[in-house]
Amino acid sequence: MSEPWSRYLDLEMAALPDHVVVALQHGPVAPTAIGSLPDGYAVHPDRSIEVAVRTLMPGVTPSMWDWWFGWHGSRDSRYRLWHPRAHVSAQWADGINGDAADADPRRGRERYVGRTSHVVEYLGSTLVHGAISFVPPGDLGLVEPHPDSGTRVCAVLGSSQVPVDIGWFVHDVRAVEGGSEMWSRFRLGGSLAVLRGTGARARRASTTLLRPFTRRTELEARALLVHCAQEMNHLAVRLPDLYADLGDA
């Protein structure tokens, strides 16, 4: 039996927005410049990467995104709505998934802030097993916007296979006339890659565990820019109808 949200699965992905194509054509920008750009990527001296992507979302409200982040992470089939060509699975690390997640009385931000989502997805041709730990904006030195003006979806990014965190992201959703704009920013690798564990054993293992996560590449930055632009634009077109249909679930 098909699930109620199955009708929103669409394998046809829209073309990348022109402003993202321009950013890709430009190539990497100076690390000192990336902070002031809405779209682009940079490789920092410590070999971390920083990616910025802007998504225009007519008809979408910030509260729809808070609902989405609390709703989709409990079932693989919901996660695939977001990027049907790259997303494989998503499950909450606390085990509250499936029907149990739908029975959760929490709504909006309460459903995802403070929780960790284990996801499997492709970034370019690389299969990634990620741990996305959602945190309040204050944990990243940001303020909580007024609900009428927007929302900030913030997370620490790591691996679900080894106890390593590698960076963070912020999706800054701002209400504008006729909808919203999302300003996304990622910073991964370099000095941000750290062990989650503590103690002598963890310290002895640090060099081996951290080495694959510290040195990020321009190719990875480009893949992340493309992936974020694809998934956000793809879902934004469908989110108003999806929310109207299933927004209380």
C-alpha atoms as a PDB file:
ATOM      1  CA  MET A   1       0.000   0.000   0.000  1.00  0.00           C
ATOM      2  CA  SER A   2       1.413   3.382  -0.953  1.00  0.00           C
ATOM      3  CA  GLU A   3       2.071   5.962   1.735  1.00  0.00           C
ATOM      4  CA  PRO A   4       0.097   9.237   1.785  1.00  0.00           C
ATOM      5  CA  TRP A   5       3.182  11.251   0.815  1.00  0.00           C
ATOM      6  CA  SER A   6       4.158   9.010  -2.112  1.00  0.00           C
ATOM      7  CA  ARG A   7       2.360  11.247  -4.584  1.00  0.00           C
ATOM      8  CA  TYR A   8       4.914  13.973  -3.853  1.00  0.00           C
ATOM      9  CA  LEU A   9       7.841  11.836  -5.023  1.00  0.00           C
ATOM     10  CA  ASP A  10       9.119  13.257  -8.303  1.00  0.00           C
ATOM     11  CA  LEU A  11      12.321  11.941  -9.877  1.00  0.00           C
ATOM     12  CA  GLU A  12      12.571  14.912 -12.230  1.00  0.00           C
ATOM     13  CA  MET A  13      14.910  17.480 -10.726  1.00  0.00           C
ATOM     14  CA  ALA A  14      14.711  21.091 -11.845  1.00  0.00           C
ATOM     15  CA  ALA A  15      17.697  22.755 -13.486  1.00  0.00           C
ATOM     16  CA  LEU A  16      20.113  24.538 -11.163  1.00  0.00           C
ATOM     17  CA  PRO A  17      19.216  28.213 -10.645  1.00  0.00           C
ATOM     18  CA  ASP A  18      21.273  30.647 -12.695  1.00  0.00           C
ATOM     19  CA  HIS A  19      22.949  32.165  -9.643  1.00  0.00           C
ATOM     20  CA  VAL A  20      24.234  28.719  -8.611  1.00  0.00           C
ATOM     21  CA  VAL A  21      25.518  28.011 -12.120  1.00  0.00           C
ATOM     22  CA  VAL A  22      27.397  31.315 -12.051  1.00  0.00           C
ATOM     23  CA  ALA A  23      28.980  30.394  -8.719  1.00  0.00           C
ATOM     24  CA  LEU A  24      30.129  27.056 -10.112  1.00  0.00           C
ATOM     25  CA  GLN A  25      31.520  28.718 -13.225  1.00  0.00           C
ATOM     26  CA  HIS A  26      33.427  31.207 -11.107  1.00  0.00           C
ATOM     27  CA  GLY A  27      35.159  28.453  -9.164  1.00  0.00           C
ATOM     28  CA  PRO A  28      36.584  28.805  -5.668  1.00  0.00           C
ATOM     29  CA  VAL A  29      36.665  32.249  -4.090  1.00  0.00           C
ATOM     30  CA  ALA A  30      39.100  33.663  -1.558  1.00  0.00           C
ATOM     31  CA  PRO A  31      38.334  32.489   1.990  1.00  0.00           C
ATOM     32  CA  THR A  32      38.169  36.146   3.033  1.00  0.00           C
ATOM     33  CA  ALA A  33      35.357  36.746   0.513  1.00  0.00           C
ATOM     34  CA  ILE A  34      33.082  33.744   1.023  1.00  0.00           C
ATOM     35  CA  GLY A  35      31.491  35.201   4.157  1.00  0.00           C
ATOM     36  CA  SER A  36      29.891  38.036   2.190  1.00  0.00           C
ATOM     37  CA  LEU A  37      28.633  35.955  -0.759  1.00  0.00           C
ATOM     38  CA  PRO A  38      25.184  34.355  -1.058  1.00  0.00           C
ATOM     39  CA  ASP A  39      26.480  31.629  -3.394  1.00  0.00           C
ATOM     40  CA  GLY A  40      29.938  30.120  -3.743  1.00  0.00           C
ATOM     41  CA  TYR A  41      32.589  28.007  -2.104  1.00  0.00           C
ATOM     42  CA  ALA A  42      36.069  28.346  -0.681  1.00  0.00           C
ATOM     43  CA  VAL A  43      38.903  26.120   0.520  1.00  0.00           C
ATOM     44  CA  HIS A  44      40.450  27.524   3.702  1.00  0.00           C
ATOM     45  CA  PRO A  45      44.160  27.276   4.590  1.00  0.00           C
ATOM     46  CA  ASP A  46      43.431  24.522   7.133  1.00  0.00           C
ATOM     47  CA  ARG A  47      41.839  22.518   4.267  1.00  0.00           C
ATOM     48  CA  SER A  48      38.325  23.034   5.533  1.00  0.00           C
ATOM     49  CA  ILE A  49      35.692  23.992   2.982  1.00  0.00           C
ATOM     50  CA  GLU A  50      32.955  26.599   3.215  1.00  0.00           C
ATOM     51  CA  VAL A  51      29.887  26.584   0.990  1.00  0.00           C
ATOM     52  CA  ALA A  52      27.141  29.186   0.618  1.00  0.00           C
ATOM     53  CA  VAL A  53      23.867  28.613  -1.254  1.00  0.00           C
ATOM     54  CA  ARG A  54      20.778  30.784  -1.598  1.00  0.00           C
ATOM     55  CA  THR A  55      17.317  29.354  -2.378  1.00  0.00           C
ATOM     56  CA  LEU A  56      14.316  31.454  -3.440  1.00  0.00           C
ATOM     57  CA  MET A  57      11.066  29.864  -2.248  1.00  0.00           C
ATOM     58  CA  PRO A  58       7.784  31.461  -3.418  1.00  0.00           C
ATOM     59  CA  GLY A  59       4.796  30.346  -1.365  1.00  0.00           C
ATOM     60  CA  VAL A  60       6.916  28.771   1.381  1.00  0.00           C
ATOM     61  CA  THR A  61       6.856  29.974   4.990  1.00  0.00           C
ATOM     62  CA  PRO A  62       9.658  29.482   7.550  1.00  0.00           C
ATOM     63  CA  SER A  63       7.310  27.399   9.726  1.00  0.00           C
ATOM     64  CA  MET A  64       6.970  24.896   6.880  1.00  0.00           C
ATOM     65  CA  TRP A  65      10.693  24.190   7.140  1.00  0.00           C
ATOM     66  CA  ASP A  66      10.509  23.700  10.903  1.00  0.00           C
ATOM     67  CA  TRP A  67       7.723  21.182  10.306  1.00  0.00           C
ATOM     68  CA  TRP A  68       9.710  19.473   7.545  1.00  0.00           C
ATOM     69  CA  PHE A  69      12.848  18.987   9.632  1.00  0.00           C
ATOM     70  CA  GLY A  70      10.803  17.439  12.418  1.00  0.00           C
ATOM     71  CA  TRP A  71       8.685  15.275  10.099  1.00  0.00           C
ATOM     72  CA  HIS A  72      10.863  13.763   7.402  1.00  0.00           C
ATOM     73  CA  GLY A  73      13.624  12.172   9.491  1.00  0.00           C
ATOM     74  CA  SER A  74      11.622   9.194  10.767  1.00  0.00           C
ATOM     75  CA  ARG A  75      11.107   7.358   7.472  1.00  0.00           C
ATOM     76  CA  ASP A  76      13.388   6.720   4.498  1.00  0.00           C
ATOM     77  CA  SER A  77      10.561   7.323   2.019  1.00  0.00           C
ATOM     78  CA  ARG A  78      10.038  10.847   3.375  1.00  0.00           C
ATOM     79  CA  TYR A  79      13.733  11.663   3.152  1.00  0.00           C
ATOM     80  CA  ARG A  80      13.750  10.638  -0.511  1.00  0.00           C
ATOM     81  CA  LEU A  81      11.113  13.269  -1.320  1.00  0.00           C
ATOM     82  CA  TRP A  82      13.801  15.873  -0.680  1.00  0.00           C
ATOM     83  CA  HIS A  83      16.335  14.611  -3.223  1.00  0.00           C
ATOM     84  CA  PRO A  84      15.011  11.418  -4.864  1.00  0.00           C
ATOM     85  CA  ARG A  85      18.207  10.852  -6.855  1.00  0.00           C
ATOM     86  CA  ALA A  86      20.672  11.153  -3.975  1.00  0.00           C
ATOM     87  CA  HIS A  87      18.944  10.437  -0.659  1.00  0.00           C
ATOM     88  CA  VAL A  88      18.922   6.841   0.566  1.00  0.00           C
ATOM     89  CA  SER A  89      17.760   6.771   4.180  1.00  0.00           C
ATOM     90  CA  ALA A  90      17.155   8.808   7.332  1.00  0.00           C
ATOM     91  CA  GLN A  91      16.419   7.629  10.865  1.00  0.00           C
ATOM     92  CA  TRP A  92      16.469   9.346  14.246  1.00  0.00           C
ATOM     93  CA  ALA A  93      19.343   8.112  16.382  1.00  0.00           C
ATOM     94  CA  ASP A  94      17.094   7.977  19.464  1.00  0.00           C
ATOM     95  CA  GLY A  95      15.040   5.227  17.829  1.00  0.00           C
ATOM     96  CA  ILE A  96      11.769   7.165  17.693  1.00  0.00           C
ATOM     97  CA  ASN A  97      10.907   6.408  14.078  1.00  0.00           C
ATOM     98  CA  GLY A  98       8.002   5.224  11.968  1.00  0.00           C
ATOM     99  CA  ASP A  99       4.609   5.149  13.686  1.00  0.00           C
ATOM    100  CA  ALA A 100       6.187   6.021  17.044  1.00  0.00           C
ATOM    101  CA  ALA A 101       7.517   9.253  15.567  1.00  0.00           C
ATOM    102  CA  ASP A 102       4.128  10.169  14.158  1.00  0.00           C
ATOM    103  CA  ALA A 103       2.604   9.712  17.620  1.00  0.00           C
ATOM    104  CA  ASP A 104       5.114  12.164  19.108  1.00  0.00           C
ATOM    105  CA  PRO A 105       3.077  15.110  20.475  1.00  0.00           C
ATOM    106  CA  ARG A 106       5.928  17.549  19.871  1.00  0.00           C
ATOM    107  CA  ARG A 107       5.623  19.877  16.892  1.00  0.00           C
ATOM    108  CA  GLY A 108       7.827  22.260  14.916  1.00  0.00           C
ATOM    109  CA  ARG A 109      11.306  22.908  16.272  1.00  0.00           C
ATOM    110  CA  GLU A 110      10.690  20.743  19.344  1.00  0.00           C
ATOM    111  CA  ARG A 111      10.625  17.715  17.063  1.00  0.00           C
ATOM    112  CA  TYR A 112      14.195  18.108  15.805  1.00  0.00           C
ATOM    113  CA  VAL A 113      16.289  20.504  17.931  1.00  0.00           C
ATOM    114  CA  GLY A 114      18.334  18.437  20.371  1.00  0.00           C
ATOM    115  CA  ARG A 115      18.071  15.260  18.283  1.00  0.00           C
ATOM    116  CA  THR A 116      20.462  13.536  15.875  1.00  0.00           C
ATOM    117  CA  SER A 117      19.481  12.253  12.437  1.00  0.00           C
ATOM    118  CA  HIS A 118      21.478   9.434  10.838  1.00  0.00           C
ATOM    119  CA  VAL A 119      21.359   9.817   7.068  1.00  0.00           C
ATOM    120  CA  VAL A 120      22.763   7.980   4.073  1.00  0.00           C
ATOM    121  CA  GLU A 121      23.055   9.984   0.863  1.00  0.00           C
ATOM    122  CA  TYR A 122      25.226  10.617  -2.147  1.00  0.00           C
ATOM    123  CA  LEU A 123      27.256  13.812  -2.411  1.00  0.00           C
ATOM    124  CA  GLY A 124      28.379  13.682  -5.999  1.00  0.00           C
ATOM    125  CA  SER A 125      29.532  10.079  -6.461  1.00  0.00           C
ATOM    126  CA  THR A 126      30.447   9.566  -2.780  1.00  0.00           C
ATOM    127  CA  LEU A 127      28.115   7.676  -0.459  1.00  0.00           C
ATOM    128  CA  VAL A 128      28.047   9.474   2.890  1.00  0.00           C
ATOM    129  CA  HIS A 129      26.919   8.125   6.273  1.00  0.00           C
ATOM    130  CA  GLY A 130      26.181  11.290   8.207  1.00  0.00           C
ATOM    131  CA  ALA A 131      25.124  12.227  11.712  1.00  0.00           C
ATOM    132  CA  ILE A 132      23.252  15.539  11.817  1.00  0.00           C
ATOM    133  CA  SER A 133      22.892  16.815  15.380  1.00  0.00           C
ATOM    134  CA  PHE A 134      20.418  19.683  15.436  1.00  0.00           C
ATOM    135  CA  VAL A 135      21.253  22.429  17.921  1.00  0.00           C
ATOM    136  CA  PRO A 136      19.708  25.781  18.905  1.00  0.00           C
ATOM    137  CA  PRO A 137      21.215  28.770  17.072  1.00  0.00           C
ATOM    138  CA  GLY A 138      22.913  29.946  20.260  1.00  0.00           C
ATOM    139  CA  ASP A 139      25.211  26.904  20.145  1.00  0.00           C
ATOM    140  CA  LEU A 140      26.700  28.346  16.952  1.00  0.00           C
ATOM    141  CA  GLY A 141      26.818  31.912  18.252  1.00  0.00           C
ATOM    142  CA  LEU A 142      23.615  32.993  16.493  1.00  0.00           C
ATOM    143  CA  VAL A 143      20.391  34.494  17.789  1.00  0.00           C
ATOM    144  CA  GLU A 144      16.972  32.899  17.482  1.00  0.00           C
ATOM    145  CA  PRO A 145      14.902  34.905  14.977  1.00  0.00           C
ATOM    146  CA  HIS A 146      11.359  35.967  15.777  1.00  0.00           C
ATOM    147  CA  PRO A 147       8.972  33.287  14.440  1.00  0.00           C
ATOM    148  CA  ASP A 148       7.208  35.858  12.264  1.00  0.00           C
ATOM    149  CA  SER A 149      10.431  36.806  10.490  1.00  0.00           C
ATOM    150  CA  GLY A 150      12.117  33.433   9.991  1.00  0.00           C
ATOM    151  CA  THR A 151      13.793  30.402  11.452  1.00  0.00           C
ATOM    152  CA  ARG A 152      17.368  29.143  11.711  1.00  0.00           C
ATOM    153  CA  VAL A 153      17.975  25.420  11.284  1.00  0.00           C
ATOM    154  CA  CYS A 154      21.396  24.728  12.809  1.00  0.00           C
ATOM    155  CA  ALA A 155      23.340  21.490  13.159  1.00  0.00           C
ATOM    156  CA  VAL A 156      26.687  19.944  13.956  1.00  0.00           C
ATOM    157  CA  LEU A 157      27.700  17.530  11.197  1.00  0.00           C
ATOM    158  CA  GLY A 158      29.565  14.301  11.770  1.00  0.00           C
ATOM    159  CA  SER A 159      29.860  10.630  10.890  1.00  0.00           C
ATOM    160  CA  SER A 160      27.355   7.984  11.966  1.00  0.00           C
ATOM    161  CA  GLN A 161      30.026   5.288  11.636  1.00  0.00           C
ATOM    162  CA  VAL A 162      32.866   6.695  13.754  1.00  0.00           C
ATOM    163  CA  PRO A 163      32.751   9.190  16.670  1.00  0.00           C
ATOM    164  CA  VAL A 164      33.899  12.208  14.659  1.00  0.00           C
ATOM    165  CA  ASP A 165      32.232  15.601  14.101  1.00  0.00           C
ATOM    166  CA  ILE A 166      33.469  17.509  11.085  1.00  0.00           C
ATOM    167  CA  GLY A 167      31.689  20.860  11.038  1.00  0.00           C
ATOM    168  CA  TRP A 168      28.316  22.584  10.962  1.00  0.00           C
ATOM    169  CA  PHE A 169      25.584  24.039   8.817  1.00  0.00           C
ATOM    170  CA  VAL A 170      23.012  26.820   9.129  1.00  0.00           C
ATOM    171  CA  HIS A 171      19.884  27.161   7.002  1.00  0.00           C
ATOM    172  CA  ASP A 172      18.725  30.721   7.634  1.00  0.00           C
ATOM    173  CA  VAL A 173      15.133  30.926   6.398  1.00  0.00           C
ATOM    174  CA  ARG A 174      13.876  34.500   6.064  1.00  0.00           C
ATOM    175  CA  ALA A 175      10.281  35.508   5.381  1.00  0.00           C
ATOM    176  CA  VAL A 176       9.984  37.809   2.363  1.00  0.00           C
ATOM    177  CA  GLU A 177       7.052  39.114   0.373  1.00  0.00           C
ATOM    178  CA  GLY A 178       5.372  36.171  -1.325  1.00  0.00           C
ATOM    179  CA  GLY A 179       7.376  33.459   0.422  1.00  0.00           C
ATOM    180  CA  SER A 180      10.821  32.922   1.890  1.00  0.00           C
ATOM    181  CA  GLU A 181      14.506  32.902   1.094  1.00  0.00           C
ATOM    182  CA  MET A 182      16.897  30.334   2.511  1.00  0.00           C
ATOM    183  CA  TRP A 183      20.543  31.289   3.018  1.00  0.00           C
ATOM    184  CA  SER A 184      22.492  28.095   3.649  1.00  0.00           C
ATOM    185  CA  ARG A 185      26.092  27.893   4.826  1.00  0.00           C
ATOM    186  CA  PHE A 186      28.328  24.902   5.542  1.00  0.00           C
ATOM    187  CA  ARG A 187      31.826  24.682   7.048  1.00  0.00           C
ATOM    188  CA  LEU A 188      33.462  21.257   7.093  1.00  0.00           C
ATOM    189  CA  GLY A 189      36.837  19.696   7.818  1.00  0.00           C
ATOM    190  CA  GLY A 190      40.179  21.176   8.797  1.00  0.00           C
ATOM    191  CA  SER A 191      40.423  22.191  12.423  1.00  0.00           C
ATOM    192  CA  LEU A 192      36.669  21.615  12.859  1.00  0.00           C
ATOM    193  CA  ALA A 193      37.124  17.835  12.686  1.00  0.00           C
ATOM    194  CA  VAL A 194      37.164  16.565  16.278  1.00  0.00           C
ATOM    195  CA  LEU A 195      36.535  13.370  18.202  1.00  0.00           C
ATOM    196  CA  ARG A 196      33.255  13.055  20.067  1.00  0.00           C
ATOM    197  CA  GLY A 197      34.795  10.627  22.542  1.00  0.00           C
ATOM    198  CA  THR A 198      37.158  11.449  25.386  1.00  0.00           C
ATOM    199  CA  GLY A 199      39.887   9.622  27.267  1.00  0.00           C
ATOM    200  CA  ALA A 200      43.284   8.146  26.428  1.00  0.00           C
ATOM    201  CA  ARG A 201      41.958   5.508  24.063  1.00  0.00           C
ATOM    202  CA  ALA A 202      40.129   8.114  21.998  1.00  0.00           C
ATOM    203  CA  ARG A 203      43.205  10.362  21.920  1.00  0.00           C
ATOM    204  CA  ARG A 204      45.410   7.496  20.712  1.00  0.00           C
ATOM    205  CA  ALA A 205      42.945   6.801  17.922  1.00  0.00           C
ATOM    206  CA  SER A 206      42.579  10.432  16.939  1.00  0.00           C
ATOM    207  CA  THR A 207      45.128  10.555  14.124  1.00  0.00           C
ATOM    208  CA  THR A 208      43.691   7.518  12.383  1.00  0.00           C
ATOM    209  CA  LEU A 209      40.062   8.511  12.837  1.00  0.00           C
ATOM    210  CA  LEU A 210      40.400  12.169  11.942  1.00  0.00           C
ATOM    211  CA  ARG A 211      42.683  11.912   8.918  1.00  0.00           C
ATOM    212  CA  PRO A 212      39.897  11.167   6.383  1.00  0.00           C
ATOM    213  CA  PHE A 213      37.835  14.103   7.651  1.00  0.00           C
ATOM    214  CA  THR A 214      40.331  16.958   7.960  1.00  0.00           C
ATOM    215  CA  ARG A 215      41.482  17.532   4.381  1.00  0.00           C
ATOM    216  CA  ARG A 216      38.472  18.518   2.285  1.00  0.00           C
ATOM    217  CA  THR A 217      38.765  19.257  -1.428  1.00  0.00           C
ATOM    218  CA  GLU A 218      37.435  21.702  -3.980  1.00  0.00           C
ATOM    219  CA  LEU A 219      35.597  18.807  -5.637  1.00  0.00           C
ATOM    220  CA  GLU A 220      33.748  18.103  -2.381  1.00  0.00           C
ATOM    221  CA  ALA A 221      32.835  21.768  -2.021  1.00  0.00           C
ATOM    222  CA  ARG A 222      31.390  21.863  -5.534  1.00  0.00           C
ATOM    223  CA  ALA A 223      29.433  18.652  -4.923  1.00  0.00           C
ATOM    224  CA  LEU A 224      27.974  20.062  -1.705  1.00  0.00           C
ATOM    225  CA  LEU A 225      26.978  23.324  -3.391  1.00  0.00           C
ATOM    226  CA  VAL A 226      25.194  21.407  -6.166  1.00  0.00           C
ATOM    227  CA  HIS A 227      23.528  18.973  -3.758  1.00  0.00           C
ATOM    228  CA  CYS A 228      22.158  21.698  -1.490  1.00  0.00           C
ATOM    229  CA  ALA A 229      20.878  23.756  -4.422  1.00  0.00           C
ATOM    230  CA  GLN A 230      19.192  20.700  -5.918  1.00  0.00           C
ATOM    231  CA  GLU A 231      17.473  19.444  -2.772  1.00  0.00           C
ATOM    232  CA  MET A 232      16.296  22.817  -1.490  1.00  0.00           C
ATOM    233  CA  ASN A 233      14.882  23.947  -4.827  1.00  0.00           C
ATOM    234  CA  HIS A 234      13.285  20.558  -5.469  1.00  0.00           C
ATOM    235  CA  LEU A 235      11.469  20.431  -2.148  1.00  0.00           C
ATOM    236  CA  ALA A 236      10.565  24.118  -2.048  1.00  0.00           C
ATOM    237  CA  VAL A 237       8.309  23.683  -5.086  1.00  0.00           C
ATOM    238  CA  ARG A 238       6.409  20.856  -3.378  1.00  0.00           C
ATOM    239  CA  LEU A 239       6.502  21.977   0.235  1.00  0.00           C
ATOM    240  CA  PRO A 240       3.390  24.227   0.262  1.00  0.00           C
ATOM    241  CA  ASP A 241       1.139  21.406  -1.005  1.00  0.00           C
ATOM    242  CA  LEU A 242       2.876  18.790   1.148  1.00  0.00           C
ATOM    243  CA  TYR A 243       2.430  20.943   4.240  1.00  0.00           C
ATOM    244  CA  ALA A 244      -1.214  21.715   3.443  1.00  0.00           C
ATOM    245  CA  ASP A 245      -1.862  17.998   3.041  1.00  0.00           C
ATOM    246  CA  LEU A 246       0.177  16.493   5.895  1.00  0.00           C
ATOM    247  CA  GLY A 247       1.325  19.417   8.008  1.00  0.00           C
ATOM    248  CA  ASP A 248      -0.307  18.148  11.220  1.00  0.00           C
ATOM    249  CA  ALA A 249       1.336  14.711  10.952  1.00  0.00           C
END
